[in-house]
Amino acid sequence: MKRIERNLIFNKTDLLYKILLFPARLFIRFICRKIIINNKSLLRREGPLLIAANHPNSFLDAIILASLFRNPVYSLARGDAFAGKIITRILTSFYMLPVYRVSEGVENLENNYTTFNACHHIFKNNGIVLIFSEGRCINEWHLRPLKKGTARLALAAWQQGVPLEVLPLGINYSSFRKFGKTMFINFGNIITKKQINPDFSDGLAINQFNEILKEQLQNLVFEIDKNDKEKVKKYFYIDQSLITRILLFIPSLIGFIFHAPLYFAIHLSIKNKANDHYDSIMTGLLFFIYPFYILLITLLAFFTMHHSIAFLLLILMPLSVLALLHFRRF
């Protein structure tokens, strides 16, 4: 854990993070057809800042937010994901810190103190931390009961004299398994130390903080029954003109034909294993495999046609994906 803390706190110019950040920002545009943000100016917010969000879609939540914010975002992730030195190195390179639950081993709980200390160090250096206040990921349009971790982080920072701001955030996806999703990122109002009664004990202060945070998140997180397709359509449907759909039809059909083998191969391999992590696993695999897939198709076309025009596929294939992405209505 001390190695994890050193990697995250003192190696702010991590090479892997810098290398992957730009392609990650680009790739997000290929998996989300539209990202609607209610207050884009907050993406440029400086620290010390604690982003308190709901958690509907596993690692994808953290990756998308990290790609959108101007400054680096350290995110708290479930501890059992940090399995082995290689995986730990990759996750810490993405500025992720482990948080353990009792179900992941009582012996690991003491490591949470190291993570929380790392967070306080980040705050003192005007950094940004993302915490998922519900504590676990479930694919649903619903705000679950809040855990105490967010309140404890904030209160501890305030007790140490850190002028921390807490930013409530509601994350809403049109789908958790379909390609080309629409996403709503709803920011709330900043929570500060002044809103907590200074005379309260720690327990009462935690309860008061959670009530304030809960009240905001309830207005930011969509409440939709998973079987209510009409309500899903109401929130996420994007109208398109007939001309737009006609223009996109052929390119999107080409995009489907070119990419269906890759997409469905990954889908069939993970559909019964991923559960609430399906989107994150699908996105992660596509992120690393897709460049090689494009190259393979391009080389096959080149050796079949024996003409350099085949290399246009390096551009046309991603464009056909965008056409397919925007052909969808929700």
C-alpha atoms as a PDB file:
ATOM      1  CA  MET A   1       0.000   0.000   0.000  1.00  0.00           C
ATOM      2  CA  LYS A   2       2.867   2.404   0.644  1.00  0.00           C
ATOM      3  CA  ARG A   3       4.035   1.744  -2.910  1.00  0.00           C
ATOM      4  CA  ILE A   4       0.541   2.611  -4.140  1.00  0.00           C
ATOM      5  CA  GLU A   5       0.570   5.839  -2.157  1.00  0.00           C
ATOM      6  CA  ARG A   6       3.984   6.842  -3.547  1.00  0.00           C
ATOM      7  CA  ASN A   7       2.921   6.111  -7.110  1.00  0.00           C
ATOM      8  CA  LEU A   8      -0.239   8.202  -6.819  1.00  0.00           C
ATOM      9  CA  ILE A   9       0.950  11.126  -4.776  1.00  0.00           C
ATOM     10  CA  PHE A  10       4.512  11.771  -5.824  1.00  0.00           C
ATOM     11  CA  ASN A  11       4.436  10.614  -9.437  1.00  0.00           C
ATOM     12  CA  LYS A  12       1.980  13.134 -10.823  1.00  0.00           C
ATOM     13  CA  THR A  13       3.557  13.012 -14.280  1.00  0.00           C
ATOM     14  CA  ASP A  14       2.929   9.308 -14.696  1.00  0.00           C
ATOM     15  CA  LEU A  15       3.846   8.478 -18.292  1.00  0.00           C
ATOM     16  CA  LEU A  16       1.166   5.835 -18.837  1.00  0.00           C
ATOM     17  CA  TYR A  17      -1.570   8.204 -17.628  1.00  0.00           C
ATOM     18  CA  LYS A  18      -0.398  10.926 -20.010  1.00  0.00           C
ATOM     19  CA  ILE A  19      -0.105   8.521 -22.930  1.00  0.00           C
ATOM     20  CA  LEU A  20      -3.585   7.060 -22.465  1.00  0.00           C
ATOM     21  CA  LEU A  21      -5.481  10.222 -21.496  1.00  0.00           C
ATOM     22  CA  PHE A  22      -5.790  11.661 -25.015  1.00  0.00           C
ATOM     23  CA  PRO A  23      -6.922   8.414 -26.724  1.00  0.00           C
ATOM     24  CA  ALA A  24      -9.306   7.819 -23.802  1.00  0.00           C
ATOM     25  CA  ARG A  25     -10.869  11.253 -24.327  1.00  0.00           C
ATOM     26  CA  LEU A  26     -11.205  10.489 -28.033  1.00  0.00           C
ATOM     27  CA  PHE A  27     -12.551   6.972 -27.478  1.00  0.00           C
ATOM     28  CA  ILE A  28     -15.288   8.193 -25.137  1.00  0.00           C
ATOM     29  CA  ARG A  29     -16.775  10.011 -28.137  1.00  0.00           C
ATOM     30  CA  PHE A  30     -17.100   6.644 -29.877  1.00  0.00           C
ATOM     31  CA  ILE A  31     -19.000   4.927 -27.071  1.00  0.00           C
ATOM     32  CA  CYS A  32     -21.203   7.839 -25.963  1.00  0.00           C
ATOM     33  CA  ARG A  33     -23.227   9.391 -28.760  1.00  0.00           C
ATOM     34  CA  LYS A  34     -23.960  12.408 -26.607  1.00  0.00           C
ATOM     35  CA  ILE A  35     -22.794  13.664 -23.209  1.00  0.00           C
ATOM     36  CA  ILE A  36     -25.048  16.343 -21.745  1.00  0.00           C
ATOM     37  CA  ILE A  37     -23.505  18.353 -18.890  1.00  0.00           C
ATOM     38  CA  ASN A  38     -25.574  20.862 -16.950  1.00  0.00           C
ATOM     39  CA  ASN A  39     -22.648  23.051 -15.850  1.00  0.00           C
ATOM     40  CA  LYS A  40     -19.534  22.573 -17.990  1.00  0.00           C
ATOM     41  CA  SER A  41     -17.608  25.294 -16.168  1.00  0.00           C
ATOM     42  CA  LEU A  42     -17.245  22.926 -13.198  1.00  0.00           C
ATOM     43  CA  LEU A  43     -15.054  20.661 -15.344  1.00  0.00           C
ATOM     44  CA  ARG A  44     -12.362  23.329 -14.954  1.00  0.00           C
ATOM     45  CA  ARG A  45     -12.732  23.482 -11.168  1.00  0.00           C
ATOM     46  CA  GLU A  46      -9.552  23.595  -9.120  1.00  0.00           C
ATOM     47  CA  GLY A  47      -8.989  21.629  -5.935  1.00  0.00           C
ATOM     48  CA  PRO A  48      -9.115  20.853  -3.136  1.00  0.00           C
ATOM     49  CA  LEU A  49     -12.259  19.158  -4.403  1.00  0.00           C
ATOM     50  CA  LEU A  50     -14.132  15.976  -3.503  1.00  0.00           C
ATOM     51  CA  ILE A  51     -16.551  14.812  -6.204  1.00  0.00           C
ATOM     52  CA  ALA A  52     -19.359  12.798  -4.582  1.00  0.00           C
ATOM     53  CA  ALA A  53     -21.175  10.753  -7.227  1.00  0.00           C
ATOM     54  CA  ASN A  54     -23.563   7.862  -7.620  1.00  0.00           C
ATOM     55  CA  HIS A  55     -22.097   4.695  -9.134  1.00  0.00           C
ATOM     56  CA  PRO A  56     -24.209   3.073 -11.860  1.00  0.00           C
ATOM     57  CA  ASN A  57     -21.540   1.777 -14.243  1.00  0.00           C
ATOM     58  CA  SER A  58     -18.363   0.458 -12.620  1.00  0.00           C
ATOM     59  CA  PHE A  59     -14.965   1.709 -13.838  1.00  0.00           C
ATOM     60  CA  LEU A  60     -16.582   3.463 -16.794  1.00  0.00           C
ATOM     61  CA  ASP A  61     -17.888   6.152 -14.408  1.00  0.00           C
ATOM     62  CA  ALA A  62     -14.367   7.045 -13.274  1.00  0.00           C
ATOM     63  CA  ILE A  63     -12.800   6.816 -16.740  1.00  0.00           C
ATOM     64  CA  ILE A  64     -15.350   9.127 -18.352  1.00  0.00           C
ATOM     65  CA  LEU A  65     -15.131  11.705 -15.567  1.00  0.00           C
ATOM     66  CA  ALA A  66     -11.326  11.629 -15.595  1.00  0.00           C
ATOM     67  CA  SER A  67     -11.382  12.230 -19.348  1.00  0.00           C
ATOM     68  CA  LEU A  68     -13.739  15.206 -19.003  1.00  0.00           C
ATOM     69  CA  PHE A  69     -12.114  17.148 -16.146  1.00  0.00           C
ATOM     70  CA  ARG A  70      -9.288  19.506 -17.047  1.00  0.00           C
ATOM     71  CA  ASN A  71      -7.227  18.564 -13.984  1.00  0.00           C
ATOM     72  CA  PRO A  72      -6.248  15.022 -12.928  1.00  0.00           C
ATOM     73  CA  VAL A  73      -8.918  13.170 -10.963  1.00  0.00           C
ATOM     74  CA  TYR A  74      -7.955  10.520  -8.411  1.00  0.00           C
ATOM     75  CA  SER A  75     -10.768   8.006  -7.994  1.00  0.00           C
ATOM     76  CA  LEU A  76     -11.497   5.472  -5.278  1.00  0.00           C
ATOM     77  CA  ALA A  77     -12.056   1.939  -6.586  1.00  0.00           C
ATOM     78  CA  ARG A  78     -13.023  -1.389  -5.036  1.00  0.00           C
ATOM     79  CA  GLY A  79     -10.018  -3.006  -3.421  1.00  0.00           C
ATOM     80  CA  ASP A  80     -10.400  -6.491  -4.877  1.00  0.00           C
ATOM     81  CA  ALA A  81      -9.665  -5.057  -8.328  1.00  0.00           C
ATOM     82  CA  PHE A  82      -6.078  -4.439  -7.213  1.00  0.00           C
ATOM     83  CA  ALA A  83      -5.078  -8.068  -7.682  1.00  0.00           C
ATOM     84  CA  GLY A  84      -1.411  -8.587  -8.494  1.00  0.00           C
ATOM     85  CA  LYS A  85       1.428  -6.186  -9.177  1.00  0.00           C
ATOM     86  CA  ILE A  86       0.674  -5.657 -12.874  1.00  0.00           C
ATOM     87  CA  ILE A  87      -3.022  -4.832 -12.368  1.00  0.00           C
ATOM     88  CA  THR A  88      -2.162  -2.634  -9.395  1.00  0.00           C
ATOM     89  CA  ARG A  89       0.381  -0.742 -11.485  1.00  0.00           C
ATOM     90  CA  ILE A  90      -2.129  -0.183 -14.299  1.00  0.00           C
ATOM     91  CA  LEU A  91      -4.866   1.034 -11.953  1.00  0.00           C
ATOM     92  CA  THR A  92      -2.571   3.325  -9.991  1.00  0.00           C
ATOM     93  CA  SER A  93      -1.329   4.735 -13.296  1.00  0.00           C
ATOM     94  CA  PHE A  94      -4.915   5.803 -13.894  1.00  0.00           C
ATOM     95  CA  TYR A  95      -4.846   7.549 -10.489  1.00  0.00           C
ATOM     96  CA  MET A  96      -7.090   4.981  -8.816  1.00  0.00           C
ATOM     97  CA  LEU A  97      -6.828   4.189  -5.108  1.00  0.00           C
ATOM     98  CA  PRO A  98      -8.173   1.011  -3.476  1.00  0.00           C
ATOM     99  CA  VAL A  99     -10.933   0.952  -0.880  1.00  0.00           C
ATOM    100  CA  TYR A 100     -11.710  -2.380   0.770  1.00  0.00           C
ATOM    101  CA  ARG A 101     -14.964  -3.717   2.166  1.00  0.00           C
ATOM    102  CA  VAL A 102     -15.419  -6.343   4.865  1.00  0.00           C
ATOM    103  CA  SER A 103     -16.433  -8.849   2.172  1.00  0.00           C
ATOM    104  CA  GLU A 104     -12.988  -8.421   0.602  1.00  0.00           C
ATOM    105  CA  GLY A 105     -11.211  -9.491   3.776  1.00  0.00           C
ATOM    106  CA  VAL A 106     -11.093  -7.952   7.237  1.00  0.00           C
ATOM    107  CA  GLU A 107      -7.297  -8.028   7.049  1.00  0.00           C
ATOM    108  CA  ASN A 108      -7.428  -5.517   4.183  1.00  0.00           C
ATOM    109  CA  LEU A 109      -9.514  -2.907   6.002  1.00  0.00           C
ATOM    110  CA  GLU A 110      -6.498  -1.284   7.627  1.00  0.00           C
ATOM    111  CA  ASN A 111      -5.228  -0.460   4.126  1.00  0.00           C
ATOM    112  CA  ASN A 112      -8.112   1.995   3.824  1.00  0.00           C
ATOM    113  CA  TYR A 113      -6.283   4.289   6.246  1.00  0.00           C
ATOM    114  CA  THR A 114      -3.413   4.516   3.764  1.00  0.00           C
ATOM    115  CA  THR A 115      -5.842   5.395   0.986  1.00  0.00           C
ATOM    116  CA  PHE A 116      -7.583   8.032   3.113  1.00  0.00           C
ATOM    117  CA  ASN A 117      -4.205   9.522   4.060  1.00  0.00           C
ATOM    118  CA  ALA A 118      -3.371   9.661   0.366  1.00  0.00           C
ATOM    119  CA  CYS A 119      -6.643  11.517  -0.252  1.00  0.00           C
ATOM    120  CA  HIS A 120      -5.844  14.092   2.423  1.00  0.00           C
ATOM    121  CA  HIS A 121      -2.403  14.576   0.870  1.00  0.00           C
ATOM    122  CA  ILE A 122      -4.098  15.176  -2.496  1.00  0.00           C
ATOM    123  CA  PHE A 123      -6.471  17.716  -0.935  1.00  0.00           C
ATOM    124  CA  LYS A 124      -3.605  19.570   0.732  1.00  0.00           C
ATOM    125  CA  ASN A 125      -1.973  19.829  -2.693  1.00  0.00           C
ATOM    126  CA  ASN A 126      -5.170  21.224  -4.249  1.00  0.00           C
ATOM    127  CA  GLY A 127      -6.020  17.987  -6.012  1.00  0.00           C
ATOM    128  CA  ILE A 128      -9.319  16.351  -6.926  1.00  0.00           C
ATOM    129  CA  VAL A 129     -10.693  13.052  -5.605  1.00  0.00           C
ATOM    130  CA  LEU A 130     -13.719  11.181  -6.938  1.00  0.00           C
ATOM    131  CA  ILE A 131     -15.676   9.000  -4.521  1.00  0.00           C
ATOM    132  CA  PHE A 132     -18.767   6.936  -5.257  1.00  0.00           C
ATOM    133  CA  SER A 133     -20.907   7.649  -2.245  1.00  0.00           C
ATOM    134  CA  GLU A 134     -23.190   4.614  -2.592  1.00  0.00           C
ATOM    135  CA  GLY A 135     -20.226   2.315  -2.034  1.00  0.00           C
ATOM    136  CA  ARG A 136     -20.904  -0.208  -4.803  1.00  0.00           C
ATOM    137  CA  CYS A 137     -21.916  -0.353  -8.439  1.00  0.00           C
ATOM    138  CA  ILE A 138     -25.350  -1.495  -9.619  1.00  0.00           C
ATOM    139  CA  ASN A 139     -26.690  -0.897 -13.140  1.00  0.00           C
ATOM    140  CA  GLU A 140     -29.862   1.030 -12.348  1.00  0.00           C
ATOM    141  CA  TRP A 141     -31.504   4.447 -12.483  1.00  0.00           C
ATOM    142  CA  HIS A 142     -31.843   4.846  -8.749  1.00  0.00           C
ATOM    143  CA  LEU A 143     -29.994   6.473  -5.865  1.00  0.00           C
ATOM    144  CA  ARG A 144     -29.101   3.922  -3.207  1.00  0.00           C
ATOM    145  CA  PRO A 145     -28.404   4.658   0.486  1.00  0.00           C
ATOM    146  CA  LEU A 146     -25.192   6.611   1.004  1.00  0.00           C
ATOM    147  CA  LYS A 147     -22.254   5.143   2.903  1.00  0.00           C
ATOM    148  CA  LYS A 148     -20.265   7.125   5.458  1.00  0.00           C
ATOM    149  CA  GLY A 149     -16.962   7.279   3.557  1.00  0.00           C
ATOM    150  CA  THR A 150     -17.684  10.550   1.753  1.00  0.00           C
ATOM    151  CA  ALA A 151     -18.651  12.320   4.964  1.00  0.00           C
ATOM    152  CA  ARG A 152     -15.611  10.988   6.830  1.00  0.00           C
ATOM    153  CA  LEU A 153     -13.238  12.167   4.094  1.00  0.00           C
ATOM    154  CA  ALA A 154     -14.773  15.630   4.008  1.00  0.00           C
ATOM    155  CA  LEU A 155     -15.024  16.087   7.776  1.00  0.00           C
ATOM    156  CA  ALA A 156     -11.442  14.904   8.329  1.00  0.00           C
ATOM    157  CA  ALA A 157     -10.169  17.377   5.730  1.00  0.00           C
ATOM    158  CA  TRP A 158     -12.111  20.229   7.326  1.00  0.00           C
ATOM    159  CA  GLN A 159     -10.810  19.279  10.773  1.00  0.00           C
ATOM    160  CA  GLN A 160      -7.273  19.562   9.364  1.00  0.00           C
ATOM    161  CA  GLY A 161      -7.986  23.058   8.103  1.00  0.00           C
ATOM    162  CA  VAL A 162      -8.202  22.123   4.420  1.00  0.00           C
ATOM    163  CA  PRO A 163     -10.685  24.380   2.541  1.00  0.00           C
ATOM    164  CA  LEU A 164     -12.217  21.379   0.810  1.00  0.00           C
ATOM    165  CA  GLU A 165     -15.277  21.736  -1.410  1.00  0.00           C
ATOM    166  CA  VAL A 166     -17.623  18.809  -2.047  1.00  0.00           C
ATOM    167  CA  LEU A 167     -19.271  18.631  -5.457  1.00  0.00           C
ATOM    168  CA  PRO A 168     -22.379  16.389  -5.754  1.00  0.00           C
ATOM    169  CA  LEU A 169     -22.651  14.662  -9.119  1.00  0.00           C
ATOM    170  CA  GLY A 170     -25.396  12.564 -10.696  1.00  0.00           C
ATOM    171  CA  ILE A 171     -24.362  10.144 -13.473  1.00  0.00           C
ATOM    172  CA  ASN A 172     -27.104   8.863 -15.782  1.00  0.00           C
ATOM    173  CA  TYR A 173     -26.738   6.526 -18.789  1.00  0.00           C
ATOM    174  CA  SER A 174     -29.383   5.680 -21.379  1.00  0.00           C
ATOM    175  CA  SER A 175     -28.211   2.060 -21.311  1.00  0.00           C
ATOM    176  CA  PHE A 176     -25.776  -0.195 -19.499  1.00  0.00           C
ATOM    177  CA  ARG A 177     -25.335  -2.743 -22.287  1.00  0.00           C
ATOM    178  CA  LYS A 178     -26.047  -1.034 -25.598  1.00  0.00           C
ATOM    179  CA  PHE A 179     -23.517   0.568 -27.890  1.00  0.00           C
ATOM    180  CA  GLY A 180     -23.869   4.329 -28.392  1.00  0.00           C
ATOM    181  CA  LYS A 181     -25.322   5.592 -25.143  1.00  0.00           C
ATOM    182  CA  THR A 182     -26.516   9.055 -24.184  1.00  0.00           C
ATOM    183  CA  MET A 183     -25.160  10.296 -20.873  1.00  0.00           C
ATOM    184  CA  PHE A 184     -26.351  13.027 -18.525  1.00  0.00           C
ATOM    185  CA  ILE A 185     -23.820  14.465 -16.079  1.00  0.00           C
ATOM    186  CA  ASN A 186     -25.692  16.580 -13.543  1.00  0.00           C
ATOM    187  CA  PHE A 187     -23.663  18.720 -11.159  1.00  0.00           C
ATOM    188  CA  GLY A 188     -25.164  19.944  -7.907  1.00  0.00           C
ATOM    189  CA  ASN A 189     -24.251  22.840  -5.628  1.00  0.00           C
ATOM    190  CA  ILE A 190     -20.958  22.948  -3.763  1.00  0.00           C
ATOM    191  CA  ILE A 191     -21.086  21.716  -0.145  1.00  0.00           C
ATOM    192  CA  THR A 192     -18.737  23.471   2.281  1.00  0.00           C
ATOM    193  CA  LYS A 193     -17.757  23.247   5.926  1.00  0.00           C
ATOM    194  CA  LYS A 194     -20.114  26.120   6.789  1.00  0.00           C
ATOM    195  CA  GLN A 195     -23.140  23.915   6.149  1.00  0.00           C
ATOM    196  CA  ILE A 196     -22.201  21.494   8.946  1.00  0.00           C
ATOM    197  CA  ASN A 197     -23.084  22.359  12.545  1.00  0.00           C
ATOM    198  CA  PRO A 198     -19.728  22.835  14.380  1.00  0.00           C
ATOM    199  CA  ASP A 199     -21.289  21.744  17.679  1.00  0.00           C
ATOM    200  CA  PHE A 200     -22.274  18.296  16.393  1.00  0.00           C
ATOM    201  CA  SER A 201     -20.424  15.157  17.403  1.00  0.00           C
ATOM    202  CA  ASP A 202     -18.732  13.171  14.614  1.00  0.00           C
ATOM    203  CA  GLY A 203     -21.722  10.860  14.325  1.00  0.00           C
ATOM    204  CA  LEU A 204     -24.248  13.681  14.055  1.00  0.00           C
ATOM    205  CA  ALA A 205     -22.009  15.582  11.637  1.00  0.00           C
ATOM    206  CA  ILE A 206     -21.788  12.516   9.376  1.00  0.00           C
ATOM    207  CA  ASN A 207     -25.568  12.167   9.406  1.00  0.00           C
ATOM    208  CA  GLN A 208     -26.065  15.855   8.645  1.00  0.00           C
ATOM    209  CA  PHE A 209     -23.555  15.729   5.788  1.00  0.00           C
ATOM    210  CA  ASN A 210     -25.204  12.659   4.278  1.00  0.00           C
ATOM    211  CA  GLU A 211     -28.634  14.270   4.457  1.00  0.00           C
ATOM    212  CA  ILE A 212     -27.358  17.344   2.608  1.00  0.00           C
ATOM    213  CA  LEU A 213     -25.628  15.192  -0.005  1.00  0.00           C
ATOM    214  CA  LYS A 214     -28.607  12.847  -0.368  1.00  0.00           C
ATOM    215  CA  GLU A 215     -31.012  15.748  -0.906  1.00  0.00           C
ATOM    216  CA  GLN A 216     -28.876  17.012  -3.770  1.00  0.00           C
ATOM    217  CA  LEU A 217     -28.179  13.650  -5.398  1.00  0.00           C
ATOM    218  CA  GLN A 218     -31.878  12.789  -5.423  1.00  0.00           C
ATOM    219  CA  ASN A 219     -32.374  15.752  -7.749  1.00  0.00           C
ATOM    220  CA  LEU A 220     -29.404  14.780  -9.932  1.00  0.00           C
ATOM    221  CA  VAL A 221     -29.892  11.023 -10.354  1.00  0.00           C
ATOM    222  CA  PHE A 222     -32.750   9.862 -12.576  1.00  0.00           C
ATOM    223  CA  GLU A 223     -35.331   7.635 -10.888  1.00  0.00           C
ATOM    224  CA  ILE A 224     -36.564   5.155 -13.502  1.00  0.00           C
ATOM    225  CA  ASP A 225     -37.853   1.618 -13.112  1.00  0.00           C
ATOM    226  CA  LYS A 226     -35.796  -0.697 -15.323  1.00  0.00           C
ATOM    227  CA  ASN A 227     -38.985  -1.966 -17.001  1.00  0.00           C
ATOM    228  CA  ASP A 228     -40.403   1.500 -17.696  1.00  0.00           C
ATOM    229  CA  LYS A 229     -39.281   1.832 -21.316  1.00  0.00           C
ATOM    230  CA  GLU A 230     -41.486   4.845 -21.934  1.00  0.00           C
ATOM    231  CA  LYS A 231     -39.796   6.803 -19.153  1.00  0.00           C
ATOM    232  CA  VAL A 232     -36.361   5.780 -20.418  1.00  0.00           C
ATOM    233  CA  LYS A 233     -37.372   7.056 -23.848  1.00  0.00           C
ATOM    234  CA  LYS A 234     -38.693  10.287 -22.325  1.00  0.00           C
ATOM    235  CA  TYR A 235     -35.370  11.045 -20.636  1.00  0.00           C
ATOM    236  CA  PHE A 236     -32.949   9.866 -23.302  1.00  0.00           C
ATOM    237  CA  TYR A 237     -34.676   9.995 -26.709  1.00  0.00           C
ATOM    238  CA  ILE A 238     -32.914  12.245 -29.221  1.00  0.00           C
ATOM    239  CA  ASP A 239     -35.028  13.428 -32.126  1.00  0.00           C
ATOM    240  CA  GLN A 240     -33.569  13.268 -35.625  1.00  0.00           C
ATOM    241  CA  SER A 241     -34.830  14.619 -38.910  1.00  0.00           C
ATOM    242  CA  LEU A 242     -35.741  12.204 -41.678  1.00  0.00           C
ATOM    243  CA  ILE A 243     -32.985  13.669 -43.854  1.00  0.00           C
ATOM    244  CA  THR A 244     -30.366  12.989 -41.169  1.00  0.00           C
ATOM    245  CA  ARG A 245     -31.437   9.369 -40.841  1.00  0.00           C
ATOM    246  CA  ILE A 246     -31.412   8.882 -44.604  1.00  0.00           C
ATOM    247  CA  LEU A 247     -27.899  10.330 -44.855  1.00  0.00           C
ATOM    248  CA  LEU A 248     -26.630   8.178 -41.984  1.00  0.00           C
ATOM    249  CA  PHE A 249     -28.295   4.931 -43.047  1.00  0.00           C
ATOM    250  CA  ILE A 250     -25.714   3.644 -45.565  1.00  0.00           C
ATOM    251  CA  PRO A 251     -22.608   4.690 -43.555  1.00  0.00           C
ATOM    252  CA  SER A 252     -24.103   3.214 -40.370  1.00  0.00           C
ATOM    253  CA  LEU A 253     -24.939  -0.038 -42.179  1.00  0.00           C
ATOM    254  CA  ILE A 254     -21.340  -0.247 -43.403  1.00  0.00           C
ATOM    255  CA  GLY A 255     -20.167   0.455 -39.861  1.00  0.00           C
ATOM    256  CA  PHE A 256     -22.326  -2.363 -38.524  1.00  0.00           C
ATOM    257  CA  ILE A 257     -21.033  -4.859 -41.108  1.00  0.00           C
ATOM    258  CA  PHE A 258     -17.391  -3.971 -40.458  1.00  0.00           C
ATOM    259  CA  HIS A 259     -17.606  -3.981 -36.677  1.00  0.00           C
ATOM    260  CA  ALA A 260     -20.201  -6.629 -35.821  1.00  0.00           C
ATOM    261  CA  PRO A 261     -17.623  -9.481 -35.751  1.00  0.00           C
ATOM    262  CA  LEU A 262     -15.498  -7.708 -33.144  1.00  0.00           C
ATOM    263  CA  TYR A 263     -18.385  -6.395 -31.056  1.00  0.00           C
ATOM    264  CA  PHE A 264     -20.340  -9.638 -30.864  1.00  0.00           C
ATOM    265  CA  ALA A 265     -17.220 -11.736 -30.260  1.00  0.00           C
ATOM    266  CA  ILE A 266     -16.484  -9.685 -27.142  1.00  0.00           C
ATOM    267  CA  HIS A 267     -20.174  -9.586 -26.187  1.00  0.00           C
ATOM    268  CA  LEU A 268     -20.522 -13.377 -26.296  1.00  0.00           C
ATOM    269  CA  SER A 269     -17.371 -13.859 -24.245  1.00  0.00           C
ATOM    270  CA  ILE A 270     -18.435 -11.577 -21.374  1.00  0.00           C
ATOM    271  CA  LYS A 271     -22.253 -11.404 -21.399  1.00  0.00           C
ATOM    272  CA  ASN A 272     -22.741 -14.064 -18.706  1.00  0.00           C
ATOM    273  CA  LYS A 273     -19.762 -13.080 -16.561  1.00  0.00           C
ATOM    274  CA  ALA A 274     -19.652  -9.308 -16.361  1.00  0.00           C
ATOM    275  CA  ASN A 275     -22.970  -8.487 -14.615  1.00  0.00           C
ATOM    276  CA  ASP A 276     -22.792  -4.847 -13.471  1.00  0.00           C
ATOM    277  CA  HIS A 277     -19.303  -4.503 -14.966  1.00  0.00           C
ATOM    278  CA  TYR A 278     -20.318  -5.405 -18.535  1.00  0.00           C
ATOM    279  CA  ASP A 279     -19.988  -1.873 -19.928  1.00  0.00           C
ATOM    280  CA  SER A 280     -16.599  -1.284 -18.334  1.00  0.00           C
ATOM    281  CA  ILE A 281     -15.174  -4.587 -19.531  1.00  0.00           C
ATOM    282  CA  MET A 282     -16.602  -4.122 -23.029  1.00  0.00           C
ATOM    283  CA  THR A 283     -15.221  -0.578 -23.228  1.00  0.00           C
ATOM    284  CA  GLY A 284     -11.813  -1.578 -21.883  1.00  0.00           C
ATOM    285  CA  LEU A 285     -11.438  -4.463 -24.327  1.00  0.00           C
ATOM    286  CA  LEU A 286     -12.567  -2.350 -27.283  1.00  0.00           C
ATOM    287  CA  PHE A 287     -10.175   0.435 -26.273  1.00  0.00           C
ATOM    288  CA  PHE A 288      -7.144  -1.842 -26.463  1.00  0.00           C
ATOM    289  CA  ILE A 289      -8.261  -4.224 -29.239  1.00  0.00           C
ATOM    290  CA  TYR A 290      -9.935  -1.856 -31.709  1.00  0.00           C
ATOM    291  CA  PRO A 291      -6.733  -0.238 -33.103  1.00  0.00           C
ATOM    292  CA  PHE A 292      -5.359  -3.699 -33.919  1.00  0.00           C
ATOM    293  CA  TYR A 293      -8.713  -4.725 -35.409  1.00  0.00           C
ATOM    294  CA  ILE A 294      -8.713  -1.724 -37.773  1.00  0.00           C
ATOM    295  CA  LEU A 295      -5.128  -2.471 -38.756  1.00  0.00           C
ATOM    296  CA  LEU A 296      -5.960  -6.135 -39.412  1.00  0.00           C
ATOM    297  CA  ILE A 297      -8.959  -5.306 -41.634  1.00  0.00           C
ATOM    298  CA  THR A 298      -6.908  -2.689 -43.494  1.00  0.00           C
ATOM    299  CA  LEU A 299      -4.033  -5.097 -44.154  1.00  0.00           C
ATOM    300  CA  LEU A 300      -6.436  -7.822 -45.306  1.00  0.00           C
ATOM    301  CA  ALA A 301      -8.008  -5.351 -47.727  1.00  0.00           C
ATOM    302  CA  PHE A 302      -4.596  -4.210 -48.954  1.00  0.00           C
ATOM    303  CA  PHE A 303      -3.284  -7.714 -49.637  1.00  0.00           C
ATOM    304  CA  THR A 304      -6.577  -8.596 -51.317  1.00  0.00           C
ATOM    305  CA  MET A 305      -6.840  -5.480 -53.493  1.00  0.00           C
ATOM    306  CA  HIS A 306      -3.108  -4.814 -53.913  1.00  0.00           C
ATOM    307  CA  HIS A 307      -3.885  -1.102 -53.879  1.00  0.00           C
ATOM    308  CA  SER A 308      -2.972   1.615 -51.379  1.00  0.00           C
ATOM    309  CA  ILE A 309      -6.569   2.861 -51.398  1.00  0.00           C
ATOM    310  CA  ALA A 310      -7.194   0.151 -48.788  1.00  0.00           C
ATOM    311  CA  PHE A 311      -5.450   2.338 -46.222  1.00  0.00           C
ATOM    312  CA  LEU A 312      -8.401   4.727 -46.357  1.00  0.00           C
ATOM    313  CA  LEU A 313     -10.079   2.181 -44.094  1.00  0.00           C
ATOM    314  CA  LEU A 314      -7.951   3.528 -41.245  1.00  0.00           C
ATOM    315  CA  ILE A 315     -10.104   6.661 -41.465  1.00  0.00           C
ATOM    316  CA  LEU A 316     -13.351   5.328 -42.913  1.00  0.00           C
ATOM    317  CA  MET A 317     -13.891   2.589 -40.324  1.00  0.00           C
ATOM    318  CA  PRO A 318     -13.924   4.959 -37.312  1.00  0.00           C
ATOM    319  CA  LEU A 319     -16.134   7.364 -39.275  1.00  0.00           C
ATOM    320  CA  SER A 320     -18.591   4.552 -39.982  1.00  0.00           C
ATOM    321  CA  VAL A 321     -18.712   3.864 -36.235  1.00  0.00           C
ATOM    322  CA  LEU A 322     -19.659   7.493 -35.624  1.00  0.00           C
ATOM    323  CA  ALA A 323     -22.389   7.203 -38.258  1.00  0.00           C
ATOM    324  CA  LEU A 324     -23.745   4.091 -36.541  1.00  0.00           C
ATOM    325  CA  LEU A 325     -23.480   5.839 -33.186  1.00  0.00           C
ATOM    326  CA  HIS A 326     -25.555   8.825 -34.299  1.00  0.00           C
ATOM    327  CA  PHE A 327     -28.072   6.752 -36.230  1.00  0.00           C
ATOM    328  CA  ARG A 328     -29.432   5.553 -32.894  1.00  0.00           C
ATOM    329  CA  ARG A 329     -32.144   7.647 -31.249  1.00  0.00           C
ATOM    330  CA  PHE A 330     -31.603   6.580 -27.612  1.00  0.00           C
END
